[in-house]
Amino acid sequence: MVDPHHAAHWYPTAAYLYVLGLDALALAWEYLRRHPDYRLDWLHRRRRPDMARRWGLRLLEDPGLDARDAHPAWLPGHAAVVQLYPDADPPPDAATFAFWRIPGHKQLLHDGKGLALIARSPGRCLRFALAPGLEDGMAVAHAHRGGVAAPAHGHALDAGFTNAKPRPTPTALLELHTLQALDAILAGASLREVGEGLFGADAVADWYSDGGLRSKVRRLTRRGDALMRGGYRRLAQLPPLEKGRFDDDVKRP
């Protein structure tokens, strides 16, 4: 039986369904915002305004906001972000920057360096970095960071979103379960309580004889902890954080 004091916010799986539609950057934020030290830095941000870079951000973001409402400004910029520039020598059929034609719910913000545009729709999220001087109706050129294929003509500006898939992918389900398990452990739940919350009371009826389920839950909690404590940087395409003398597992002289 799950202790109700441990299950106030993490037990209902329905509360995590939004995770199924998150991209890599949004997932990185979900893991980072759970880090206890990050939450402390947010509370002390007025005294230590330079702490954002430690976490791979330009600016600290409120950890109380989940990925649906937060707008973390990552360093140095994710490959999935489309860079948009005014086209100085456009061809006759050049794509134009038409803000209101971009499909989805649009959010325009300044990330500490420049204007960023996020367009969200069920099952899809597009991210843009807008160059200075770009205005609505201008001919526009786009660019991606290395390793990402360039989009087809007009993709970044007027392509419609595809419908959300009727069934979540195994990878999306893994992230949902990992975040739910991580929240449970942070709330003080036992592994058995985590198993019951994720897979139901019937699944844990033979908990002590079912090593497979216990191992699965243990892997989920370890994965969540690892992603929270630095693994999120891989999702955000940031370099690994170098260990400093204040890290818990750094070797002492």
Foldseek 3Di string as FASTA:
>chain_A
DWDCLLPVPLLDLVVLVVLLQDALLLLLLLLQLPQPVLQVCVVCCVVPVPCQVLSQFPGRWHSVDHSVPIDTHGPPDFQQAKEKDFDPDADPPFDFAAPVQQDADWDWDQRNPAIKIWGDDGNDIHIYGYDPPRDGGGRMDIDGPPPDDDDDGCPNHHDDDDHHDPDGDPVSVLSSLLSSLQSSVVSPTDLLSSLCSVPNPVVCVVVVVCVPSSVVSVVSNVVSVVSSVFVSCVSRVHDGRDDDPPDPPDDDD
